[in-house]
Amino acid sequence: MITIWPQYINKNLTLNEGRKISKEDAVKDPTLSDIERAAKRLGLKYSVQKDVAYPGKWYEKSGRVLVEWEGRKLELLREVSAEIKNMRN
């Protein structure tokens, strides 16, 4: 299982704040439901945990999505981010 926090693909954050992919690949302010819808559209098995906080922002319950994925984490993050971009266009 791979954890996707919204912070991982948020274009507005720096790498130190939690972004894991390039700004070009990232999306602006992704929500938990954006990530969930993208995972569903990509045909991935996933589960949503709404009441958990990203360790770097322990005071803010952003939630996370756990995804079954065999490849590399960064590939998954780019795929999900690209699908969110497609959904927003």
PDB file of N, CA and C in Angstrom:
ATOM      1  N   MET A   1       0.843  -1.188   0.000  1.00  0.00           N
ATOM      2  CA  MET A   1       0.000   0.000   0.000  1.00  0.00           C
ATOM      3  C   MET A   1       0.886   1.248   0.000  1.00  0.00           C
ATOM      4  N   ILE A   2       0.480   2.206  -0.791  1.00  0.00           N
ATOM      5  CA  ILE A   2       1.198   3.484  -0.844  1.00  0.00           C
ATOM      6  C   ILE A   2       0.259   4.576  -0.343  1.00  0.00           C
ATOM      7  N   THR A   3       0.781   5.414   0.515  1.00  0.00           N
ATOM      8  CA  THR A   3      -0.001   6.515   1.083  1.00  0.00           C
ATOM      9  C   THR A   3       0.125   7.746   0.199  1.00  0.00           C
ATOM     10  N   ILE A   4      -1.017   8.355  -0.119  1.00  0.00           N
ATOM     11  CA  ILE A   4      -0.997   9.633  -0.835  1.00  0.00           C
ATOM     12  C   ILE A   4      -1.631  10.684   0.073  1.00  0.00           C
ATOM     13  N   TRP A   5      -0.804  11.593   0.530  1.00  0.00           N
ATOM     14  CA  TRP A   5      -1.294  12.759   1.268  1.00  0.00           C
ATOM     15  C   TRP A   5      -1.522  13.857   0.233  1.00  0.00           C
ATOM     16  N   PRO A   6      -2.542  14.694   0.390  1.00  0.00           N
ATOM     17  CA  PRO A   6      -2.737  15.806  -0.553  1.00  0.00           C
ATOM     18  C   PRO A   6      -1.490  16.681  -0.688  1.00  0.00           C
ATOM     19  N   GLN A   7      -0.711  16.791   0.385  1.00  0.00           N
ATOM     20  CA  GLN A   7       0.501  17.611   0.366  1.00  0.00           C
ATOM     21  C   GLN A   7       1.509  17.116  -0.667  1.00  0.00           C
ATOM     22  N   TYR A   8       1.516  15.818  -0.945  1.00  0.00           N
ATOM     23  CA  TYR A   8       2.490  15.240  -1.874  1.00  0.00           C
ATOM     24  C   TYR A   8       2.367  15.803  -3.285  1.00  0.00           C
ATOM     25  N   ILE A   9       1.154  16.195  -3.670  1.00  0.00           N
ATOM     26  CA  ILE A   9       0.945  16.640  -5.058  1.00  0.00           C
ATOM     27  C   ILE A   9       0.445  18.080  -5.138  1.00  0.00           C
ATOM     28  N   ASN A  10       0.640  18.846  -4.062  1.00  0.00           N
ATOM     29  CA  ASN A  10       0.167  20.228  -4.016  1.00  0.00           C
ATOM     30  C   ASN A  10       1.222  21.192  -4.583  1.00  0.00           C
ATOM     31  N   LYS A  11       0.881  21.813  -5.690  1.00  0.00           N
ATOM     32  CA  LYS A  11       1.771  22.748  -6.389  1.00  0.00           C
ATOM     33  C   LYS A  11       2.176  23.937  -5.519  1.00  0.00           C
ATOM     34  N   ASN A  12       1.325  24.309  -4.564  1.00  0.00           N
ATOM     35  CA  ASN A  12       1.587  25.493  -3.741  1.00  0.00           C
ATOM     36  C   ASN A  12       2.577  25.251  -2.607  1.00  0.00           C
ATOM     37  N   LEU A  13       2.991  24.008  -2.405  1.00  0.00           N
ATOM     38  CA  LEU A  13       3.923  23.703  -1.327  1.00  0.00           C
ATOM     39  C   LEU A  13       5.338  23.527  -1.865  1.00  0.00           C
ATOM     40  N   THR A  14       6.313  23.745  -0.990  1.00  0.00           N
ATOM     41  CA  THR A  14       7.707  23.498  -1.353  1.00  0.00           C
ATOM     42  C   THR A  14       8.022  22.033  -1.064  1.00  0.00           C
ATOM     43  N   LEU A  15       9.175  21.597  -1.508  1.00  0.00           N
ATOM     44  CA  LEU A  15       9.603  20.232  -1.201  1.00  0.00           C
ATOM     45  C   LEU A  15       9.732  20.038   0.305  1.00  0.00           C
ATOM     46  N   ASN A  16      10.218  21.062   1.001  1.00  0.00           N
ATOM     47  CA  ASN A  16      10.349  20.979   2.462  1.00  0.00           C
ATOM     48  C   ASN A  16       8.996  20.899   3.162  1.00  0.00           C
ATOM     49  N   GLU A  17       7.962  21.428   2.544  1.00  0.00           N
ATOM     50  CA  GLU A  17       6.620  21.396   3.140  1.00  0.00           C
ATOM     51  C   GLU A  17       5.881  20.100   2.815  1.00  0.00           C
ATOM     52  N   GLY A  18       6.469  19.256   1.980  1.00  0.00           N
ATOM     53  CA  GLY A  18       5.865  17.947   1.741  1.00  0.00           C
ATOM     54  C   GLY A  18       5.609  17.567   0.292  1.00  0.00           C
ATOM     55  N   ARG A  19       5.777  18.505  -0.648  1.00  0.00           N
ATOM     56  CA  ARG A  19       5.548  18.147  -2.051  1.00  0.00           C
ATOM     57  C   ARG A  19       6.599  17.138  -2.486  1.00  0.00           C
ATOM     58  N   LYS A  20       6.167  16.107  -3.236  1.00  0.00           N
ATOM     59  CA  LYS A  20       7.085  15.039  -3.642  1.00  0.00           C
ATOM     60  C   LYS A  20       7.394  15.053  -5.143  1.00  0.00           C
ATOM     61  N   ILE A  21       6.563  15.732  -5.931  1.00  0.00           N
ATOM     62  CA  ILE A  21       6.770  15.748  -7.381  1.00  0.00           C
ATOM     63  C   ILE A  21       7.019  17.180  -7.843  1.00  0.00           C
ATOM     64  N   SER A  22       7.460  17.336  -9.091  1.00  0.00           N
ATOM     65  CA  SER A  22       7.785  18.673  -9.590  1.00  0.00           C
ATOM     66  C   SER A  22       6.545  19.558  -9.640  1.00  0.00           C
ATOM     67  N   LYS A  23       6.762  20.868  -9.611  1.00  0.00           N
ATOM     68  CA  LYS A  23       5.639  21.804  -9.683  1.00  0.00           C
ATOM     69  C   LYS A  23       4.868  21.643 -10.985  1.00  0.00           C
ATOM     70  N   GLU A  24       5.577  21.286 -12.072  1.00  0.00           N
ATOM     71  CA  GLU A  24       4.909  21.087 -13.367  1.00  0.00           C
ATOM     72  C   GLU A  24       3.928  19.916 -13.300  1.00  0.00           C
ATOM     73  N   ASP A  25       4.303  18.865 -12.566  1.00  0.00           N
ATOM     74  CA  ASP A  25       3.441  17.683 -12.451  1.00  0.00           C
ATOM     75  C   ASP A  25       2.359  17.854 -11.390  1.00  0.00           C
ATOM     76  N   ALA A  26       2.596  18.719 -10.417  1.00  0.00           N
ATOM     77  CA  ALA A  26       1.675  18.877  -9.287  1.00  0.00           C
ATOM     78  C   ALA A  26       0.442  19.697  -9.681  1.00  0.00           C
ATOM     79  N   VAL A  27      -0.573  19.648  -8.808  1.00  0.00           N
ATOM     80  CA  VAL A  27      -1.815  20.398  -9.033  1.00  0.00           C
ATOM     81  C   VAL A  27      -2.029  21.380  -7.888  1.00  0.00           C
ATOM     82  N   LYS A  28      -2.842  22.390  -8.148  1.00  0.00           N
ATOM     83  CA  LYS A  28      -3.104  23.419  -7.146  1.00  0.00           C
ATOM     84  C   LYS A  28      -4.156  22.932  -6.153  1.00  0.00           C
ATOM     85  N   ASP A  29      -3.804  22.949  -4.882  1.00  0.00           N
ATOM     86  CA  ASP A  29      -4.704  22.610  -3.775  1.00  0.00           C
ATOM     87  C   ASP A  29      -5.554  21.357  -4.020  1.00  0.00           C
ATOM     88  N   PRO A  30      -4.929  20.182  -4.168  1.00  0.00           N
ATOM     89  CA  PRO A  30      -5.725  18.962  -4.349  1.00  0.00           C
ATOM     90  C   PRO A  30      -6.482  18.618  -3.064  1.00  0.00           C
ATOM     91  N   THR A  31      -7.704  18.156  -3.215  1.00  0.00           N
ATOM     92  CA  THR A  31      -8.499  17.743  -2.055  1.00  0.00           C
ATOM     93  C   THR A  31      -8.475  16.231  -1.949  1.00  0.00           C
ATOM     94  N   LEU A  32      -8.931  15.736  -0.825  1.00  0.00           N
ATOM     95  CA  LEU A  32      -9.021  14.296  -0.627  1.00  0.00           C
ATOM     96  C   LEU A  32      -9.973  13.687  -1.654  1.00  0.00           C
ATOM     97  N   SER A  33     -11.081  14.376  -1.928  1.00  0.00           N
ATOM     98  CA  SER A  33     -12.029  13.840  -2.911  1.00  0.00           C
ATOM     99  C   SER A  33     -11.448  13.867  -4.322  1.00  0.00           C
ATOM    100  N   ASP A  34     -10.583  14.850  -4.649  1.00  0.00           N
ATOM    101  CA  ASP A  34      -9.898  14.854  -5.949  1.00  0.00           C
ATOM    102  C   ASP A  34      -9.062  13.588  -6.099  1.00  0.00           C
ATOM    103  N   ILE A  35      -8.300  13.276  -5.058  1.00  0.00           N
ATOM    104  CA  ILE A  35      -7.420  12.106  -5.108  1.00  0.00           C
ATOM    105  C   ILE A  35      -8.248  10.832  -5.196  1.00  0.00           C
ATOM    106  N   GLU A  36      -9.330  10.778  -4.439  1.00  0.00           N
ATOM    107  CA  GLU A  36     -10.204   9.603  -4.458  1.00  0.00           C
ATOM    108  C   GLU A  36     -10.818   9.400  -5.845  1.00  0.00           C
ATOM    109  N   ARG A  37     -11.327  10.468  -6.435  1.00  0.00           N
ATOM    110  CA  ARG A  37     -11.926  10.366  -7.772  1.00  0.00           C
ATOM    111  C   ARG A  37     -10.891   9.951  -8.814  1.00  0.00           C
ATOM    112  N   ALA A  38      -9.673  10.487  -8.715  1.00  0.00           N
ATOM    113  CA  ALA A  38      -8.613  10.125  -9.656  1.00  0.00           C
ATOM    114  C   ALA A  38      -8.263   8.644  -9.520  1.00  0.00           C
ATOM    115  N   ALA A  39      -8.150   8.163  -8.298  1.00  0.00           N
ATOM    116  CA  ALA A  39      -7.838   6.748  -8.068  1.00  0.00           C
ATOM    117  C   ALA A  39      -8.933   5.860  -8.646  1.00  0.00           C
ATOM    118  N   LYS A  40     -10.180   6.276  -8.455  1.00  0.00           N
ATOM    119  CA  LYS A  40     -11.311   5.508  -8.989  1.00  0.00           C
ATOM    120  C   LYS A  40     -11.260   5.481 -10.511  1.00  0.00           C
ATOM    121  N   ARG A  41     -11.017   6.633 -11.126  1.00  0.00           N
ATOM    122  CA  ARG A  41     -10.964   6.713 -12.589  1.00  0.00           C
ATOM    123  C   ARG A  41      -9.792   5.937 -13.171  1.00  0.00           C
ATOM    124  N   LEU A  42      -8.708   5.816 -12.397  1.00  0.00           N
ATOM    125  CA  LEU A  42      -7.545   5.048 -12.846  1.00  0.00           C
ATOM    126  C   LEU A  42      -7.709   3.550 -12.576  1.00  0.00           C
ATOM    127  N   GLY A  43      -8.821   3.177 -11.941  1.00  0.00           N
ATOM    128  CA  GLY A  43      -9.093   1.773 -11.673  1.00  0.00           C
ATOM    129  C   GLY A  43      -8.230   1.175 -10.568  1.00  0.00           C
ATOM    130  N   LEU A  44      -7.794   2.007  -9.637  1.00  0.00           N
ATOM    131  CA  LEU A  44      -6.932   1.541  -8.553  1.00  0.00           C
ATOM    132  C   LEU A  44      -7.757   1.089  -7.355  1.00  0.00           C
ATOM    133  N   LYS A  45      -7.232   0.137  -6.596  1.00  0.00           N
ATOM    134  CA  LYS A  45      -7.855  -0.241  -5.333  1.00  0.00           C
ATOM    135  C   LYS A  45      -7.324   0.715  -4.278  1.00  0.00           C
ATOM    136  N   TYR A  46      -8.226   1.310  -3.525  1.00  0.00           N
ATOM    137  CA  TYR A  46      -7.809   2.327  -2.556  1.00  0.00           C
ATOM    138  C   TYR A  46      -8.753   2.365  -1.368  1.00  0.00           C
ATOM    139  N   SER A  47      -8.304   3.009  -0.307  1.00  0.00           N
ATOM    140  CA  SER A  47      -9.174   3.302   0.829  1.00  0.00           C
ATOM    141  C   SER A  47      -8.840   4.709   1.321  1.00  0.00           C
ATOM    142  N   VAL A  48      -9.858   5.392   1.819  1.00  0.00           N
ATOM    143  CA  VAL A  48      -9.711   6.775   2.256  1.00  0.00           C
ATOM    144  C   VAL A  48      -9.740   6.832   3.779  1.00  0.00           C
ATOM    145  N   GLN A  49      -8.811   7.584   4.340  1.00  0.00           N
ATOM    146  CA  GLN A  49      -8.792   7.833   5.781  1.00  0.00           C
ATOM    147  C   GLN A  49      -8.907   9.344   5.972  1.00  0.00           C
ATOM    148  N   LYS A  50     -10.081   9.788   6.402  1.00  0.00           N
ATOM    149  CA  LYS A  50     -10.351  11.227   6.467  1.00  0.00           C
ATOM    150  C   LYS A  50      -9.818  11.911   7.720  1.00  0.00           C
ATOM    151  N   ASP A  51      -9.793  11.211   8.825  1.00  0.00           N
ATOM    152  CA  ASP A  51      -9.470  11.861  10.101  1.00  0.00           C
ATOM    153  C   ASP A  51      -8.025  11.680  10.547  1.00  0.00           C
ATOM    154  N   VAL A  52      -7.107  11.727   9.587  1.00  0.00           N
ATOM    155  CA  VAL A  52      -5.695  11.646   9.945  1.00  0.00           C
ATOM    156  C   VAL A  52      -4.991  12.908   9.470  1.00  0.00           C
ATOM    157  N   ALA A  53      -3.920  13.253  10.172  1.00  0.00           N
ATOM    158  CA  ALA A  53      -3.191  14.483   9.857  1.00  0.00           C
ATOM    159  C   ALA A  53      -1.806  14.158   9.308  1.00  0.00           C
ATOM    160  N   TYR A  54      -1.397  14.924   8.307  1.00  0.00           N
ATOM    161  CA  TYR A  54      -0.055  14.794   7.749  1.00  0.00           C
ATOM    162  C   TYR A  54       0.943  15.117   8.860  1.00  0.00           C
ATOM    163  N   PRO A  55       1.966  14.269   9.057  1.00  0.00           N
ATOM    164  CA  PRO A  55       2.884  14.491  10.181  1.00  0.00           C
ATOM    165  C   PRO A  55       3.487  15.894  10.252  1.00  0.00           C
ATOM    166  N   GLY A  56       3.768  16.504   9.113  1.00  0.00           N
ATOM    167  CA  GLY A  56       4.335  17.848   9.115  1.00  0.00           C
ATOM    168  C   GLY A  56       3.340  18.921   9.539  1.00  0.00           C
ATOM    169  N   LYS A  57       2.052  18.595   9.435  1.00  0.00           N
ATOM    170  CA  LYS A  57       0.994  19.525   9.878  1.00  0.00           C
ATOM    171  C   LYS A  57       0.035  18.737  10.759  1.00  0.00           C
ATOM    172  N   TRP A  58       0.527  18.258  11.873  1.00  0.00           N
ATOM    173  CA  TRP A  58      -0.222  17.391  12.772  1.00  0.00           C
ATOM    174  C   TRP A  58      -1.510  18.022  13.284  1.00  0.00           C
ATOM    175  N   TYR A  59      -1.606  19.332  13.225  1.00  0.00           N
ATOM    176  CA  TYR A  59      -2.766  20.064  13.743  1.00  0.00           C
ATOM    177  C   TYR A  59      -3.872  20.203  12.699  1.00  0.00           C
ATOM    178  N   GLU A  60      -3.644  19.725  11.487  1.00  0.00           N
ATOM    179  CA  GLU A  60      -4.594  19.908  10.383  1.00  0.00           C
ATOM    180  C   GLU A  60      -4.945  18.543   9.791  1.00  0.00           C
ATOM    181  N   LYS A  61      -6.185  18.100   9.975  1.00  0.00           N
ATOM    182  CA  LYS A  61      -6.590  16.783   9.483  1.00  0.00           C
ATOM    183  C   LYS A  61      -6.927  16.846   7.992  1.00  0.00           C
ATOM    184  N   SER A  62      -5.911  16.600   7.168  1.00  0.00           N
ATOM    185  CA  SER A  62      -6.104  16.672   5.717  1.00  0.00           C
ATOM    186  C   SER A  62      -6.599  15.355   5.146  1.00  0.00           C
ATOM    187  N   GLY A  63      -6.383  14.265   5.871  1.00  0.00           N
ATOM    188  CA  GLY A  63      -6.763  12.952   5.373  1.00  0.00           C
ATOM    189  C   GLY A  63      -5.712  12.410   4.418  1.00  0.00           C
ATOM    190  N   ARG A  64      -5.885  11.140   4.043  1.00  0.00           N
ATOM    191  CA  ARG A  64      -4.967  10.499   3.105  1.00  0.00           C
ATOM    192  C   ARG A  64      -5.682   9.375   2.379  1.00  0.00           C
ATOM    193  N   VAL A  65      -5.102   8.941   1.267  1.00  0.00           N
ATOM    194  CA  VAL A  65      -5.643   7.830   0.499  1.00  0.00           C
ATOM    195  C   VAL A  65      -4.565   6.752   0.432  1.00  0.00           C
ATOM    196  N   LEU A  66      -4.946   5.534   0.779  1.00  0.00           N
ATOM    197  CA  LEU A  66      -4.035   4.393   0.689  1.00  0.00           C
ATOM    198  C   LEU A  66      -4.356   3.649  -0.607  1.00  0.00           C
ATOM    199  N   VAL A  67      -3.334   3.437  -1.427  1.00  0.00           N
ATOM    200  CA  VAL A  67      -3.540   2.846  -2.753  1.00  0.00           C
ATOM    201  C   VAL A  67      -2.690   1.589  -2.904  1.00  0.00           C
ATOM    202  N   GLU A  68      -3.301   0.544  -3.468  1.00  0.00           N
ATOM    203  CA  GLU A  68      -2.527  -0.648  -3.816  1.00  0.00           C
ATOM    204  C   GLU A  68      -1.823  -0.359  -5.128  1.00  0.00           C
ATOM    205  N   TRP A  69      -0.492  -0.442  -5.114  1.00  0.00           N
ATOM    206  CA  TRP A  69       0.308  -0.063  -6.283  1.00  0.00           C
ATOM    207  C   TRP A  69       1.597  -0.869  -6.265  1.00  0.00           C
ATOM    208  N   GLU A  70       1.960  -1.420  -7.411  1.00  0.00           N
ATOM    209  CA  GLU A  70       3.158  -2.258  -7.490  1.00  0.00           C
ATOM    210  C   GLU A  70       4.400  -1.472  -7.911  1.00  0.00           C
ATOM    211  N   GLY A  71       4.219  -0.340  -8.584  1.00  0.00           N
ATOM    212  CA  GLY A  71       5.352   0.419  -9.108  1.00  0.00           C
ATOM    213  C   GLY A  71       5.964   1.361  -8.087  1.00  0.00           C
ATOM    214  N   ARG A  72       6.660   2.358  -8.608  1.00  0.00           N
ATOM    215  CA  ARG A  72       7.308   3.348  -7.747  1.00  0.00           C
ATOM    216  C   ARG A  72       6.297   4.393  -7.277  1.00  0.00           C
ATOM    217  N   LYS A  73       6.504   4.891  -6.081  1.00  0.00           N
ATOM    218  CA  LYS A  73       5.597   5.862  -5.472  1.00  0.00           C
ATOM    219  C   LYS A  73       5.474   7.128  -6.326  1.00  0.00           C
ATOM    220  N   LEU A  74       6.608   7.638  -6.834  1.00  0.00           N
ATOM    221  CA  LEU A  74       6.558   8.878  -7.612  1.00  0.00           C
ATOM    222  C   LEU A  74       5.760   8.694  -8.906  1.00  0.00           C
ATOM    223  N   GLU A  75       5.814   7.504  -9.502  1.00  0.00           N
ATOM    224  CA  GLU A  75       5.011   7.230 -10.700  1.00  0.00           C
ATOM    225  C   GLU A  75       3.525   7.334 -10.366  1.00  0.00           C
ATOM    226  N   LEU A  76       3.140   6.747  -9.240  1.00  0.00           N
ATOM    227  CA  LEU A  76       1.743   6.808  -8.806  1.00  0.00           C
ATOM    228  C   LEU A  76       1.315   8.257  -8.560  1.00  0.00           C
ATOM    229  N   LEU A  77       2.155   9.020  -7.881  1.00  0.00           N
ATOM    230  CA  LEU A  77       1.811  10.417  -7.589  1.00  0.00           C
ATOM    231  C   LEU A  77       1.632  11.216  -8.876  1.00  0.00           C
ATOM    232  N   ARG A  78       2.495  10.978  -9.867  1.00  0.00           N
ATOM    233  CA  ARG A  78       2.368  11.684 -11.150  1.00  0.00           C
ATOM    234  C   ARG A  78       1.099  11.275 -11.885  1.00  0.00           C
ATOM    235  N   GLU A  79       0.771   9.983 -11.853  1.00  0.00           N
ATOM    236  CA  GLU A  79      -0.453   9.490 -12.524  1.00  0.00           C
ATOM    237  C   GLU A  79      -1.701  10.119 -11.903  1.00  0.00           C
ATOM    238  N   VAL A  80      -1.759  10.099 -10.576  1.00  0.00           N
ATOM    239  CA  VAL A  80      -2.924  10.653  -9.869  1.00  0.00           C
ATOM    240  C   VAL A  80      -3.028  12.154 -10.136  1.00  0.00           C
ATOM    241  N   SER A  81      -1.903  12.850 -10.081  1.00  0.00           N
ATOM    242  CA  SER A  81      -1.892  14.289 -10.336  1.00  0.00           C
ATOM    243  C   SER A  81      -2.351  14.597 -11.768  1.00  0.00           C
ATOM    244  N   ALA A  82      -1.865  13.821 -12.729  1.00  0.00           N
ATOM    245  CA  ALA A  82      -2.265  14.019 -14.133  1.00  0.00           C
ATOM    246  C   ALA A  82      -3.757  13.775 -14.303  1.00  0.00           C
ATOM    247  N   GLU A  83      -4.291  12.784 -13.608  1.00  0.00           N
ATOM    248  CA  GLU A  83      -5.724  12.493 -13.715  1.00  0.00           C
ATOM    249  C   GLU A  83      -6.548  13.620 -13.090  1.00  0.00           C
ATOM    250  N   ILE A  84      -6.077  14.207 -12.007  1.00  0.00           N
ATOM    251  CA  ILE A  84      -6.773  15.353 -11.408  1.00  0.00           C
ATOM    252  C   ILE A  84      -6.776  16.517 -12.401  1.00  0.00           C
ATOM    253  N   LYS A  85      -5.650  16.735 -13.075  1.00  0.00           N
ATOM    254  CA  LYS A  85      -5.596  17.797 -14.096  1.00  0.00           C
ATOM    255  C   LYS A  85      -6.627  17.531 -15.191  1.00  0.00           C
ATOM    256  N   ASN A  86      -6.725  16.265 -15.647  1.00  0.00           N
ATOM    257  CA  ASN A  86      -7.713  15.908 -16.670  1.00  0.00           C
ATOM    258  C   ASN A  86      -9.137  16.171 -16.197  1.00  0.00           C
ATOM    259  N   MET A  87      -9.421  15.845 -14.939  1.00  0.00           N
ATOM    260  CA  MET A  87     -10.758  16.037 -14.392  1.00  0.00           C
ATOM    261  C   MET A  87     -11.107  17.523 -14.295  1.00  0.00           C
ATOM    262  N   ARG A  88     -10.123  18.346 -14.044  1.00  0.00           N
ATOM    263  CA  ARG A  88     -10.371  19.783 -13.884  1.00  0.00           C
ATOM    264  C   ARG A  88     -10.512  20.511 -15.208  1.00  0.00           C
ATOM    265  N   ASN A  89     -10.057  19.901 -16.286  1.00  0.00           N
ATOM    266  CA  ASN A  89     -10.160  20.572 -17.601  1.00  0.00           C
ATOM    267  C   ASN A  89     -11.490  20.324 -18.262  1.00  0.00           C
TER     268      ASN A  89
END
